Amino acid sequence: MPDYLVDEAVEDYAFISTQKEPELLQELIDTTNAQMGWPQKLSGRLVGRTLKLLSSLVQPTHALEIGMFTGYSALSIAEGMPDHGRLLCCETNPRAIDMAKSFFARSEHGHKIDVAFGRALETLNTIDYELDFTFIDADKRSYLEYYEEVKKRTRSGGLIILDNVLWSGKVLQPESELDDILVETNHRIANDPDVENVFLTVRDGLNVVRKR
């Protein structure tokens, strides 16, 4: 993904004008950069603080994350949740899970987080409660399926947030099947009578969806 989809100076200004994440999350960024492949998969401050703010507003009892990586976004969401809230995180990378759990253990919000190893669609089939808040940031080929399955399980007024919906700008001139899937997902959401949404040009794009 390009470092900047908007003017670099504008992106930097937005970053420095957003309040810092907690020190533990800053350490998690450094550790991920040093020890993990594809560290750019980590959400970062602008997305993370957006998730924390939205979570604080919704106050979810039942939250879900599809694609946890090393836990930065999970801790951001959990930070905004009430103390009794539970966040279920789906992840398939054992090394990422181990790193995430080590940081969850050190966080005052870590007790709110459960981790499910395996395919997210299989984990979704085990959920027997309504979701208040979901963050989708995993296999882009399954984005449309994730969205539809999560929507079925989301309460009225609940949020579904999809990351990387600009897909490095490839949605403007799609050239592959994967590009087409992101375009179709965005189109489906924008025309879905069951929801209202706003497409935010934050980092690589956030689609914030509220179920009617």
N, C-alpha and C. Protein backbone atom coordinates (compact mmCIF):
# COMPACT_ATOMS: atom_id res chain seq x y z
N MET A 1 0.85 -1.19 0.00
CA MET A 1 0.00 0.00 0.00
C MET A 1 0.88 1.24 0.00
N PRO A 2 0.57 2.26 -0.81
CA PRO A 2 1.35 3.50 -0.76
C PRO A 2 1.29 4.11 0.63
N ASP A 3 2.36 4.78 1.04
CA ASP A 3 2.37 5.40 2.35
C ASP A 3 1.28 6.47 2.46
N TYR A 4 1.00 7.16 1.37
CA TYR A 4 0.04 8.26 1.42
C TYR A 4 -0.89 8.22 0.22
N LEU A 5 -2.19 8.19 0.49
CA LEU A 5 -3.19 8.29 -0.57
C LEU A 5 -3.64 9.73 -0.73
N VAL A 6 -3.39 10.54 0.29
CA VAL A 6 -3.65 11.98 0.19
C VAL A 6 -2.30 12.68 0.29
N ASP A 7 -2.30 13.97 0.17
CA ASP A 7 -1.06 14.74 0.27
C ASP A 7 -0.32 14.38 1.55
N GLU A 8 0.95 14.12 1.43
CA GLU A 8 1.74 13.66 2.58
C GLU A 8 1.69 14.65 3.74
N ALA A 9 1.75 15.93 3.44
CA ALA A 9 1.70 16.95 4.50
C ALA A 9 0.35 16.94 5.20
N VAL A 10 -0.71 16.72 4.45
CA VAL A 10 -2.05 16.65 5.04
C VAL A 10 -2.16 15.42 5.95
N GLU A 11 -1.64 14.28 5.47
CA GLU A 11 -1.67 13.05 6.27
C GLU A 11 -0.88 13.24 7.57
N ASP A 12 0.29 13.85 7.47
CA ASP A 12 1.10 14.09 8.66
C ASP A 12 0.39 15.03 9.63
N TYR A 13 -0.27 16.05 9.09
CA TYR A 13 -0.98 17.01 9.95
C TYR A 13 -2.13 16.33 10.68
N ALA A 14 -2.85 15.46 9.97
CA ALA A 14 -3.94 14.72 10.60
C ALA A 14 -3.39 13.83 11.73
N PHE A 15 -2.23 13.22 11.48
CA PHE A 15 -1.62 12.34 12.48
C PHE A 15 -1.24 13.11 13.75
N ILE A 16 -0.52 14.22 13.58
CA ILE A 16 -0.06 14.95 14.76
C ILE A 16 -1.19 15.70 15.45
N SER A 17 -2.31 15.90 14.74
CA SER A 17 -3.45 16.60 15.32
C SER A 17 -4.45 15.64 15.96
N THR A 18 -4.13 14.35 15.96
CA THR A 18 -4.95 13.33 16.63
C THR A 18 -4.25 12.93 17.92
N GLN A 19 -5.00 12.84 19.00
CA GLN A 19 -4.39 12.50 20.29
C GLN A 19 -3.66 11.16 20.21
N LYS A 20 -2.56 11.06 20.94
CA LYS A 20 -1.74 9.85 20.91
C LYS A 20 -2.49 8.67 21.52
N GLU A 21 -2.17 7.48 21.02
CA GLU A 21 -2.63 6.26 21.63
C GLU A 21 -1.85 6.03 22.93
N PRO A 22 -2.35 5.17 23.83
CA PRO A 22 -1.62 4.86 25.07
C PRO A 22 -0.21 4.33 24.77
N GLU A 23 0.67 4.47 25.74
CA GLU A 23 2.07 4.07 25.56
C GLU A 23 2.19 2.59 25.19
N LEU A 24 1.34 1.74 25.75
CA LEU A 24 1.41 0.31 25.45
C LEU A 24 1.16 0.07 23.96
N LEU A 25 0.25 0.83 23.37
CA LEU A 25 -0.02 0.68 21.95
C LEU A 25 1.13 1.21 21.10
N GLN A 26 1.79 2.27 21.57
CA GLN A 26 2.97 2.75 20.87
C GLN A 26 4.08 1.69 20.89
N GLU A 27 4.21 1.00 22.03
CA GLU A 27 5.19 -0.09 22.12
C GLU A 27 4.80 -1.23 21.20
N LEU A 28 3.51 -1.52 21.08
CA LEU A 28 3.05 -2.59 20.20
C LEU A 28 3.38 -2.28 18.74
N ILE A 29 3.26 -1.03 18.36
CA ILE A 29 3.66 -0.63 17.00
C ILE A 29 5.14 -0.93 16.77
N ASP A 30 5.99 -0.52 17.71
CA ASP A 30 7.43 -0.74 17.57
C ASP A 30 7.76 -2.23 17.51
N THR A 31 7.13 -3.02 18.37
CA THR A 31 7.40 -4.46 18.41
C THR A 31 6.94 -5.14 17.13
N THR A 32 5.78 -4.74 16.63
CA THR A 32 5.27 -5.30 15.38
C THR A 32 6.21 -4.98 14.22
N ASN A 33 6.66 -3.72 14.14
CA ASN A 33 7.59 -3.32 13.09
C ASN A 33 8.90 -4.11 13.15
N ALA A 34 9.34 -4.42 14.35
CA ALA A 34 10.63 -5.09 14.53
C ALA A 34 10.54 -6.59 14.31
N GLN A 35 9.40 -7.21 14.61
CA GLN A 35 9.35 -8.67 14.68
C GLN A 35 8.41 -9.35 13.70
N MET A 36 7.52 -8.60 13.05
CA MET A 36 6.52 -9.23 12.20
C MET A 36 6.68 -8.85 10.73
N GLY A 37 6.38 -9.79 9.85
CA GLY A 37 6.28 -9.47 8.44
C GLY A 37 5.02 -8.67 8.18
N TRP A 38 5.05 -7.88 7.12
CA TRP A 38 3.91 -7.04 6.74
C TRP A 38 3.40 -6.20 7.91
N PRO A 39 4.29 -5.44 8.58
CA PRO A 39 3.85 -4.65 9.73
C PRO A 39 2.84 -3.57 9.36
N GLN A 40 2.76 -3.21 8.07
CA GLN A 40 1.79 -2.19 7.65
C GLN A 40 0.35 -2.66 7.81
N LYS A 41 0.16 -3.95 8.08
CA LYS A 41 -1.19 -4.45 8.35
C LYS A 41 -1.75 -3.88 9.66
N LEU A 42 -0.87 -3.40 10.52
CA LEU A 42 -1.31 -2.79 11.77
C LEU A 42 -2.07 -1.50 11.48
N SER A 43 -3.16 -1.26 12.20
CA SER A 43 -4.07 -0.16 11.87
C SER A 43 -3.45 1.22 12.00
N GLY A 44 -2.72 1.47 13.08
CA GLY A 44 -2.12 2.77 13.28
C GLY A 44 -3.04 3.77 13.96
N ARG A 45 -2.47 4.93 14.27
CA ARG A 45 -3.15 5.90 15.13
C ARG A 45 -4.49 6.38 14.58
N LEU A 46 -4.53 6.81 13.32
CA LEU A 46 -5.76 7.43 12.80
C LEU A 46 -6.92 6.44 12.80
N VAL A 47 -6.67 5.21 12.36
CA VAL A 47 -7.72 4.20 12.38
C VAL A 47 -8.00 3.76 13.82
N GLY A 48 -6.95 3.55 14.58
CA GLY A 48 -7.12 3.09 15.95
C GLY A 48 -7.92 4.05 16.83
N ARG A 49 -7.59 5.34 16.73
CA ARG A 49 -8.33 6.32 17.54
C ARG A 49 -9.76 6.49 17.04
N THR A 50 -9.98 6.28 15.73
CA THR A 50 -11.35 6.30 15.21
C THR A 50 -12.14 5.14 15.80
N LEU A 51 -11.54 3.95 15.83
CA LEU A 51 -12.22 2.79 16.40
C LEU A 51 -12.51 2.99 17.88
N LYS A 52 -11.55 3.55 18.60
CA LYS A 52 -11.75 3.78 20.03
C LYS A 52 -12.89 4.76 20.26
N LEU A 53 -12.93 5.82 19.48
CA LEU A 53 -13.98 6.83 19.63
C LEU A 53 -15.35 6.25 19.31
N LEU A 54 -15.46 5.50 18.21
CA LEU A 54 -16.74 4.90 17.84
C LEU A 54 -17.19 3.87 18.87
N SER A 55 -16.24 3.09 19.37
CA SER A 55 -16.56 2.12 20.41
C SER A 55 -17.05 2.82 21.69
N SER A 56 -16.43 3.93 22.02
CA SER A 56 -16.86 4.70 23.20
C SER A 56 -18.30 5.20 23.04
N LEU A 57 -18.65 5.58 21.82
CA LEU A 57 -20.00 6.09 21.56
C LEU A 57 -21.04 4.97 21.59
N VAL A 58 -20.70 3.83 21.02
CA VAL A 58 -21.65 2.71 20.94
C VAL A 58 -21.75 1.96 22.27
N GLN A 59 -20.64 1.88 23.02
CA GLN A 59 -20.58 1.12 24.27
C GLN A 59 -21.03 -0.33 24.05
N PRO A 60 -20.34 -1.05 23.16
CA PRO A 60 -20.79 -2.40 22.81
C PRO A 60 -20.60 -3.42 23.94
N THR A 61 -21.62 -4.24 24.11
CA THR A 61 -21.51 -5.40 25.00
C THR A 61 -20.89 -6.57 24.25
N HIS A 62 -21.30 -6.72 22.98
CA HIS A 62 -20.78 -7.81 22.15
C HIS A 62 -20.13 -7.21 20.89
N ALA A 63 -18.81 -7.34 20.79
CA ALA A 63 -18.07 -6.82 19.64
C ALA A 63 -17.30 -7.95 18.97
N LEU A 64 -16.98 -7.74 17.71
CA LEU A 64 -16.28 -8.74 16.91
C LEU A 64 -15.22 -8.05 16.07
N GLU A 65 -14.06 -8.70 15.95
CA GLU A 65 -13.04 -8.25 15.02
C GLU A 65 -12.65 -9.40 14.11
N ILE A 66 -12.71 -9.19 12.81
CA ILE A 66 -12.29 -10.19 11.84
C ILE A 66 -10.96 -9.73 11.27
N GLY A 67 -9.88 -10.39 11.71
CA GLY A 67 -8.53 -10.00 11.32
C GLY A 67 -7.86 -9.18 12.40
N MET A 68 -7.34 -9.84 13.42
CA MET A 68 -6.79 -9.15 14.59
C MET A 68 -5.35 -8.70 14.41
N PHE A 69 -4.55 -9.45 13.65
CA PHE A 69 -3.11 -9.26 13.52
C PHE A 69 -2.47 -9.22 14.91
N THR A 70 -1.71 -8.20 15.26
CA THR A 70 -1.00 -8.22 16.54
C THR A 70 -1.76 -7.51 17.67
N GLY A 71 -2.99 -7.13 17.43
CA GLY A 71 -3.83 -6.67 18.53
C GLY A 71 -3.99 -5.18 18.72
N TYR A 72 -3.40 -4.38 17.84
CA TYR A 72 -3.50 -2.92 18.01
C TYR A 72 -4.95 -2.45 17.92
N SER A 73 -5.65 -2.86 16.88
CA SER A 73 -7.04 -2.43 16.71
C SER A 73 -7.93 -3.04 17.79
N ALA A 74 -7.65 -4.26 18.20
CA ALA A 74 -8.44 -4.90 19.26
C ALA A 74 -8.34 -4.10 20.56
N LEU A 75 -7.13 -3.72 20.93
CA LEU A 75 -6.96 -2.94 22.16
C LEU A 75 -7.59 -1.55 22.02
N SER A 76 -7.58 -1.01 20.82
CA SER A 76 -8.22 0.29 20.59
C SER A 76 -9.73 0.18 20.80
N ILE A 77 -10.34 -0.85 20.23
CA ILE A 77 -11.78 -1.07 20.40
C ILE A 77 -12.11 -1.34 21.87
N ALA A 78 -11.34 -2.23 22.50
CA ALA A 78 -11.60 -2.59 23.89
C ALA A 78 -11.48 -1.39 24.82
N GLU A 79 -10.59 -0.47 24.49
CA GLU A 79 -10.40 0.73 25.30
C GLU A 79 -11.70 1.53 25.42
N GLY A 80 -12.51 1.51 24.37
CA GLY A 80 -13.76 2.27 24.38
C GLY A 80 -14.94 1.50 24.91
N MET A 81 -14.79 0.20 25.14
CA MET A 81 -15.90 -0.65 25.57
C MET A 81 -16.14 -0.55 27.07
N PRO A 82 -17.36 -0.82 27.51
CA PRO A 82 -17.61 -0.89 28.96
C PRO A 82 -16.87 -2.08 29.56
N ASP A 83 -16.68 -2.05 30.86
CA ASP A 83 -15.86 -3.08 31.51
C ASP A 83 -16.44 -4.48 31.34
N HIS A 84 -17.76 -4.58 31.19
CA HIS A 84 -18.39 -5.90 31.05
C HIS A 84 -18.45 -6.36 29.59
N GLY A 85 -18.01 -5.53 28.65
CA GLY A 85 -18.08 -5.87 27.24
C GLY A 85 -17.09 -6.96 26.87
N ARG A 86 -17.43 -7.70 25.80
CA ARG A 86 -16.56 -8.76 25.31
C ARG A 86 -16.30 -8.57 23.82
N LEU A 87 -15.04 -8.64 23.44
CA LEU A 87 -14.61 -8.52 22.05
C LEU A 87 -14.04 -9.86 21.60
N LEU A 88 -14.65 -10.47 20.59
CA LEU A 88 -14.16 -11.73 20.04
C LEU A 88 -13.34 -11.42 18.79
N CYS A 89 -12.07 -11.84 18.79
CA CYS A 89 -11.16 -11.54 17.68
C CYS A 89 -10.83 -12.81 16.91
N CYS A 90 -11.00 -12.75 15.59
CA CYS A 90 -10.69 -13.88 14.71
C CYS A 90 -9.33 -13.67 14.05
N GLU A 91 -8.47 -14.68 14.11
CA GLU A 91 -7.13 -14.55 13.53
C GLU A 91 -6.61 -15.93 13.16
N THR A 92 -5.83 -16.01 12.07
CA THR A 92 -5.29 -17.28 11.59
C THR A 92 -3.76 -17.36 11.69
N ASN A 93 -3.11 -16.30 12.16
CA ASN A 93 -1.65 -16.27 12.24
C ASN A 93 -1.21 -16.54 13.69
N PRO A 94 -0.66 -17.73 13.98
CA PRO A 94 -0.29 -18.05 15.36
C PRO A 94 0.72 -17.08 15.97
N ARG A 95 1.72 -16.63 15.18
CA ARG A 95 2.71 -15.70 15.71
C ARG A 95 2.06 -14.37 16.09
N ALA A 96 1.14 -13.90 15.25
CA ALA A 96 0.43 -12.66 15.56
C ALA A 96 -0.42 -12.83 16.82
N ILE A 97 -1.06 -13.98 16.97
CA ILE A 97 -1.87 -14.24 18.16
C ILE A 97 -1.01 -14.21 19.42
N ASP A 98 0.15 -14.86 19.36
CA ASP A 98 1.03 -14.88 20.54
C ASP A 98 1.46 -13.47 20.93
N MET A 99 1.82 -12.65 19.95
CA MET A 99 2.22 -11.29 20.26
C MET A 99 1.04 -10.50 20.83
N ALA A 100 -0.10 -10.63 20.20
CA ALA A 100 -1.28 -9.91 20.68
C ALA A 100 -1.60 -10.28 22.12
N LYS A 101 -1.60 -11.56 22.42
CA LYS A 101 -1.95 -12.00 23.78
C LYS A 101 -0.96 -11.47 24.82
N SER A 102 0.31 -11.35 24.43
CA SER A 102 1.29 -10.84 25.38
C SER A 102 1.00 -9.38 25.73
N PHE A 103 0.45 -8.62 24.78
CA PHE A 103 0.09 -7.24 25.06
C PHE A 103 -1.27 -7.14 25.75
N PHE A 104 -2.19 -8.05 25.42
CA PHE A 104 -3.48 -8.06 26.11
C PHE A 104 -3.25 -8.29 27.61
N ALA A 105 -2.30 -9.16 27.93
CA ALA A 105 -2.03 -9.50 29.34
C ALA A 105 -1.51 -8.30 30.12
N ARG A 106 -0.94 -7.33 29.43
CA ARG A 106 -0.37 -6.16 30.09
C ARG A 106 -1.33 -4.97 30.08
N SER A 107 -2.46 -5.10 29.42
CA SER A 107 -3.40 -3.98 29.29
C SER A 107 -4.55 -4.09 30.29
N GLU A 108 -4.99 -2.95 30.78
CA GLU A 108 -6.15 -2.94 31.67
C GLU A 108 -7.44 -3.31 30.93
N HIS A 109 -7.38 -3.32 29.60
CA HIS A 109 -8.55 -3.67 28.81
C HIS A 109 -8.46 -5.07 28.21
N GLY A 110 -7.36 -5.75 28.47
CA GLY A 110 -7.14 -7.06 27.86
C GLY A 110 -8.14 -8.12 28.29
N HIS A 111 -8.70 -7.97 29.49
CA HIS A 111 -9.65 -8.98 29.98
C HIS A 111 -10.96 -8.98 29.19
N LYS A 112 -11.18 -7.96 28.38
CA LYS A 112 -12.41 -7.89 27.56
C LYS A 112 -12.28 -8.68 26.26
N ILE A 113 -11.08 -9.16 25.95
CA ILE A 113 -10.79 -9.71 24.62
C ILE A 113 -10.64 -11.23 24.66
N ASP A 114 -11.33 -11.91 23.76
CA ASP A 114 -11.17 -13.34 23.52
C ASP A 114 -10.67 -13.54 22.09
N VAL A 115 -9.82 -14.53 21.89
CA VAL A 115 -9.23 -14.78 20.58
C VAL A 115 -9.69 -16.14 20.06
N ALA A 116 -10.17 -16.16 18.82
CA ALA A 116 -10.58 -17.40 18.17
C ALA A 116 -9.63 -17.68 17.00
N PHE A 117 -8.88 -18.77 17.07
CA PHE A 117 -7.99 -19.16 15.98
C PHE A 117 -8.80 -19.93 14.94
N GLY A 118 -8.65 -19.55 13.67
CA GLY A 118 -9.34 -20.26 12.60
C GLY A 118 -10.07 -19.32 11.67
N ARG A 119 -10.76 -19.90 10.70
CA ARG A 119 -11.46 -19.11 9.69
C ARG A 119 -12.62 -18.35 10.32
N ALA A 120 -12.71 -17.08 9.98
CA ALA A 120 -13.71 -16.21 10.61
C ALA A 120 -15.13 -16.66 10.31
N LEU A 121 -15.39 -17.13 9.09
CA LEU A 121 -16.75 -17.54 8.74
C LEU A 121 -17.19 -18.74 9.57
N GLU A 122 -16.26 -19.61 9.91
CA GLU A 122 -16.59 -20.74 10.79
C GLU A 122 -16.86 -20.24 12.21
N THR A 123 -16.06 -19.29 12.67
CA THR A 123 -16.29 -18.72 14.00
C THR A 123 -17.62 -18.00 14.05
N LEU A 124 -17.97 -17.28 12.99
CA LEU A 124 -19.25 -16.57 12.94
C LEU A 124 -20.42 -17.51 13.16
N ASN A 125 -20.31 -18.72 12.66
CA ASN A 125 -21.40 -19.68 12.80
C ASN A 125 -21.60 -20.17 14.22
N THR A 126 -20.64 -19.86 15.10
CA THR A 126 -20.77 -20.27 16.50
C THR A 126 -21.37 -19.17 17.37
N ILE A 127 -21.54 -17.97 16.81
CA ILE A 127 -22.04 -16.83 17.59
C ILE A 127 -23.55 -16.94 17.74
N ASP A 128 -24.01 -16.92 18.98
CA ASP A 128 -25.44 -17.06 19.26
C ASP A 128 -26.02 -15.81 19.94
N TYR A 129 -25.40 -14.65 19.67
CA TYR A 129 -25.88 -13.40 20.24
C TYR A 129 -25.79 -12.31 19.17
N GLU A 130 -26.50 -11.21 19.41
CA GLU A 130 -26.46 -10.11 18.47
C GLU A 130 -25.21 -9.27 18.69
N LEU A 131 -24.63 -8.80 17.61
CA LEU A 131 -23.43 -7.98 17.67
C LEU A 131 -23.79 -6.50 17.74
N ASP A 132 -23.02 -5.77 18.53
CA ASP A 132 -23.19 -4.32 18.64
C ASP A 132 -22.18 -3.57 17.77
N PHE A 133 -21.04 -4.21 17.50
CA PHE A 133 -19.91 -3.51 16.88
C PHE A 133 -18.99 -4.54 16.23
N THR A 134 -18.67 -4.34 14.96
CA THR A 134 -17.76 -5.26 14.26
C THR A 134 -16.76 -4.47 13.44
N PHE A 135 -15.50 -4.90 13.50
CA PHE A 135 -14.44 -4.33 12.66
C PHE A 135 -13.93 -5.43 11.75
N ILE A 136 -13.99 -5.20 10.44
CA ILE A 136 -13.58 -6.18 9.44
C ILE A 136 -12.29 -5.72 8.78
N ASP A 137 -11.23 -6.52 8.94
CA ASP A 137 -9.92 -6.16 8.38
C ASP A 137 -9.14 -7.44 8.13
N ALA A 138 -9.67 -8.30 7.25
CA ALA A 138 -9.03 -9.59 7.00
C ALA A 138 -8.99 -9.85 5.50
N ASP A 139 -9.08 -11.11 5.12
CA ASP A 139 -9.02 -11.53 3.73
C ASP A 139 -10.01 -10.77 2.87
N LYS A 140 -9.49 -9.95 1.95
CA LYS A 140 -10.35 -9.08 1.15
C LYS A 140 -11.23 -9.87 0.18
N ARG A 141 -10.80 -11.08 -0.20
CA ARG A 141 -11.63 -11.88 -1.10
C ARG A 141 -12.97 -12.27 -0.45
N SER A 142 -12.99 -12.25 0.87
CA SER A 142 -14.20 -12.65 1.59
C SER A 142 -14.98 -11.45 2.14
N TYR A 143 -14.58 -10.24 1.75
CA TYR A 143 -15.19 -9.04 2.36
C TYR A 143 -16.70 -9.01 2.20
N LEU A 144 -17.20 -9.28 1.03
CA LEU A 144 -18.64 -9.21 0.81
C LEU A 144 -19.37 -10.26 1.64
N GLU A 145 -18.78 -11.45 1.72
CA GLU A 145 -19.38 -12.50 2.54
C GLU A 145 -19.32 -12.15 4.02
N TYR A 146 -18.18 -11.61 4.46
CA TYR A 146 -18.09 -11.16 5.85
C TYR A 146 -19.19 -10.14 6.15
N TYR A 147 -19.32 -9.16 5.27
CA TYR A 147 -20.31 -8.10 5.49
C TYR A 147 -21.71 -8.66 5.62
N GLU A 148 -22.09 -9.52 4.69
CA GLU A 148 -23.46 -10.06 4.70
C GLU A 148 -23.70 -10.92 5.94
N GLU A 149 -22.74 -11.75 6.30
CA GLU A 149 -22.91 -12.62 7.47
C GLU A 149 -22.94 -11.82 8.77
N VAL A 150 -22.08 -10.80 8.87
CA VAL A 150 -22.07 -9.96 10.06
C VAL A 150 -23.36 -9.16 10.17
N LYS A 151 -23.84 -8.64 9.04
CA LYS A 151 -25.07 -7.84 9.06
C LYS A 151 -26.24 -8.64 9.63
N LYS A 152 -26.32 -9.92 9.27
CA LYS A 152 -27.39 -10.77 9.78
C LYS A 152 -27.39 -10.84 11.30
N ARG A 153 -26.18 -10.74 11.86
CA ARG A 153 -26.01 -10.96 13.30
C ARG A 153 -25.90 -9.65 14.09
N THR A 154 -26.08 -8.53 13.41
CA THR A 154 -25.92 -7.22 14.05
C THR A 154 -27.28 -6.66 14.46
N ARG A 155 -27.34 -6.11 15.64
CA ARG A 155 -28.59 -5.52 16.13
C ARG A 155 -28.89 -4.23 15.40
N SER A 156 -30.14 -3.82 15.44
CA SER A 156 -30.51 -2.52 14.91
C SER A 156 -29.74 -1.43 15.67
N GLY A 157 -29.10 -0.56 14.93
CA GLY A 157 -28.28 0.49 15.54
C GLY A 157 -26.83 0.10 15.72
N GLY A 158 -26.50 -1.16 15.46
CA GLY A 158 -25.12 -1.61 15.60
C GLY A 158 -24.25 -1.14 14.44
N LEU A 159 -22.93 -1.11 14.68
CA LEU A 159 -21.97 -0.65 13.67
C LEU A 159 -21.18 -1.80 13.07
N ILE A 160 -20.91 -1.67 11.76
CA ILE A 160 -19.99 -2.55 11.05
C ILE A 160 -18.98 -1.64 10.36
N ILE A 161 -17.70 -1.83 10.62
CA ILE A 161 -16.66 -0.97 10.06
C ILE A 161 -15.71 -1.83 9.24
N LEU A 162 -15.52 -1.47 7.99
CA LEU A 162 -14.64 -2.20 7.09
C LEU A 162 -13.41 -1.36 6.77
N ASP A 163 -12.24 -1.95 6.93
CA ASP A 163 -10.98 -1.25 6.66
C ASP A 163 -10.50 -1.55 5.24
N ASN A 164 -9.58 -0.73 4.74
CA ASN A 164 -8.90 -0.91 3.44
C ASN A 164 -9.87 -0.88 2.25
N VAL A 165 -10.94 -0.11 2.38
CA VAL A 165 -11.95 -0.09 1.31
C VAL A 165 -11.55 0.81 0.14
N LEU A 166 -10.47 1.58 0.29
CA LEU A 166 -9.90 2.28 -0.87
C LEU A 166 -8.93 1.38 -1.63
N TRP A 167 -8.38 0.40 -0.92
CA TRP A 167 -7.52 -0.63 -1.51
C TRP A 167 -6.40 0.00 -2.33
N SER A 168 -5.68 0.90 -1.66
CA SER A 168 -4.55 1.62 -2.27
C SER A 168 -4.96 2.39 -3.52
N GLY A 169 -6.23 2.78 -3.60
CA GLY A 169 -6.72 3.51 -4.75
C GLY A 169 -7.13 2.63 -5.91
N LYS A 170 -6.96 1.31 -5.78
CA LYS A 170 -7.26 0.40 -6.89
C LYS A 170 -8.76 0.31 -7.18
N VAL A 171 -9.60 0.74 -6.24
CA VAL A 171 -11.04 0.72 -6.49
C VAL A 171 -11.44 1.72 -7.58
N LEU A 172 -10.56 2.69 -7.87
CA LEU A 172 -10.87 3.67 -8.90
C LEU A 172 -10.69 3.11 -10.30
N GLN A 173 -9.70 2.22 -10.44
CA GLN A 173 -9.45 1.58 -11.73
C GLN A 173 -9.15 0.10 -11.49
N PRO A 174 -10.17 -0.68 -11.17
CA PRO A 174 -9.95 -2.09 -10.83
C PRO A 174 -9.37 -2.88 -11.99
N GLU A 175 -8.37 -3.71 -11.67
CA GLU A 175 -7.70 -4.50 -12.70
C GLU A 175 -7.67 -5.98 -12.38
N SER A 176 -8.15 -6.36 -11.21
CA SER A 176 -8.10 -7.76 -10.82
C SER A 176 -9.42 -8.16 -10.16
N GLU A 177 -9.58 -9.46 -9.98
CA GLU A 177 -10.79 -9.98 -9.31
C GLU A 177 -10.88 -9.42 -7.89
N LEU A 178 -9.75 -9.33 -7.22
CA LEU A 178 -9.74 -8.80 -5.86
C LEU A 178 -10.18 -7.34 -5.82
N ASP A 179 -9.68 -6.55 -6.77
CA ASP A 179 -10.12 -5.16 -6.87
C ASP A 179 -11.63 -5.10 -7.07
N ASP A 180 -12.14 -5.97 -7.94
CA ASP A 180 -13.58 -5.98 -8.23
C ASP A 180 -14.41 -6.30 -7.00
N ILE A 181 -13.89 -7.18 -6.14
CA ILE A 181 -14.62 -7.55 -4.93
C ILE A 181 -14.77 -6.33 -4.01
N LEU A 182 -13.70 -5.56 -3.87
CA LEU A 182 -13.78 -4.36 -3.03
C LEU A 182 -14.75 -3.35 -3.63
N VAL A 183 -14.72 -3.18 -4.94
CA VAL A 183 -15.65 -2.26 -5.60
C VAL A 183 -17.09 -2.72 -5.38
N GLU A 184 -17.35 -4.01 -5.55
CA GLU A 184 -18.70 -4.54 -5.37
C GLU A 184 -19.16 -4.41 -3.92
N THR A 185 -18.26 -4.64 -2.97
CA THR A 185 -18.61 -4.50 -1.55
C THR A 185 -19.03 -3.07 -1.25
N ASN A 186 -18.23 -2.11 -1.70
CA ASN A 186 -18.57 -0.70 -1.46
C ASN A 186 -19.88 -0.32 -2.13
N HIS A 187 -20.10 -0.82 -3.35
CA HIS A 187 -21.33 -0.53 -4.07
C HIS A 187 -22.54 -1.13 -3.35
N ARG A 188 -22.38 -2.37 -2.90
CA ARG A 188 -23.49 -3.05 -2.21
C ARG A 188 -23.88 -2.30 -0.94
N ILE A 189 -22.88 -1.85 -0.19
CA ILE A 189 -23.17 -1.12 1.05
C ILE A 189 -23.86 0.20 0.76
N ALA A 190 -23.37 0.93 -0.22
CA ALA A 190 -23.93 2.24 -0.54
C ALA A 190 -25.39 2.14 -1.00
N ASN A 191 -25.78 0.96 -1.51
CA ASN A 191 -27.13 0.78 -2.03
C ASN A 191 -27.96 -0.19 -1.19
N ASP A 192 -27.50 -0.48 0.01
CA ASP A 192 -28.18 -1.43 0.89
C ASP A 192 -29.25 -0.71 1.70
N PRO A 193 -30.54 -1.02 1.51
CA PRO A 193 -31.59 -0.34 2.25
C PRO A 193 -31.62 -0.68 3.74
N ASP A 194 -30.88 -1.72 4.13
CA ASP A 194 -30.87 -2.14 5.53
C ASP A 194 -29.93 -1.30 6.39
N VAL A 195 -29.11 -0.45 5.75
CA VAL A 195 -28.07 0.27 6.50
C VAL A 195 -27.98 1.72 6.05
N GLU A 196 -27.24 2.51 6.83
CA GLU A 196 -26.75 3.82 6.40
C GLU A 196 -25.24 3.80 6.60
N ASN A 197 -24.52 4.53 5.74
CA ASN A 197 -23.07 4.44 5.83
C ASN A 197 -22.41 5.78 5.48
N VAL A 198 -21.16 5.88 5.88
CA VAL A 198 -20.30 6.98 5.42
C VAL A 198 -18.95 6.37 5.09
N PHE A 199 -18.42 6.72 3.93
CA PHE A 199 -17.14 6.22 3.45
C PHE A 199 -16.09 7.27 3.79
N LEU A 200 -15.18 6.93 4.69
CA LEU A 200 -14.18 7.87 5.17
C LEU A 200 -12.83 7.60 4.51
N THR A 201 -12.17 8.67 4.05
CA THR A 201 -10.85 8.54 3.44
C THR A 201 -9.77 8.63 4.51
N VAL A 202 -9.91 7.84 5.54
CA VAL A 202 -8.91 7.73 6.61
C VAL A 202 -7.95 6.61 6.25
N ARG A 203 -6.68 6.95 6.15
CA ARG A 203 -5.63 5.99 5.77
C ARG A 203 -6.01 5.29 4.48
N ASP A 204 -6.30 3.99 4.49
CA ASP A 204 -6.63 3.27 3.27
C ASP A 204 -8.14 3.11 3.10
N GLY A 205 -8.91 3.95 3.79
CA GLY A 205 -10.36 3.95 3.63
C GLY A 205 -11.07 3.15 4.70
N LEU A 206 -12.06 3.78 5.35
CA LEU A 206 -12.93 3.12 6.33
C LEU A 206 -14.38 3.29 5.88
N ASN A 207 -15.10 2.20 5.80
CA ASN A 207 -16.52 2.26 5.51
C ASN A 207 -17.26 2.02 6.82
N VAL A 208 -17.91 3.06 7.33
CA VAL A 208 -18.60 2.97 8.62
C VAL A 208 -20.08 2.79 8.34
N VAL A 209 -20.61 1.67 8.78
CA VAL A 209 -21.96 1.24 8.43
C VAL A 209 -22.79 1.07 9.71
N ARG A 210 -23.99 1.63 9.69
CA ARG A 210 -24.93 1.48 10.82
C ARG A 210 -26.16 0.74 10.33
N LYS A 211 -26.50 -0.35 11.00
CA LYS A 211 -27.68 -1.10 10.62
C LYS A 211 -28.93 -0.34 11.08
N ARG A 212 -29.89 -0.21 10.18
CA ARG A 212 -31.11 0.51 10.50
C ARG A 212 -31.95 -0.28 11.50
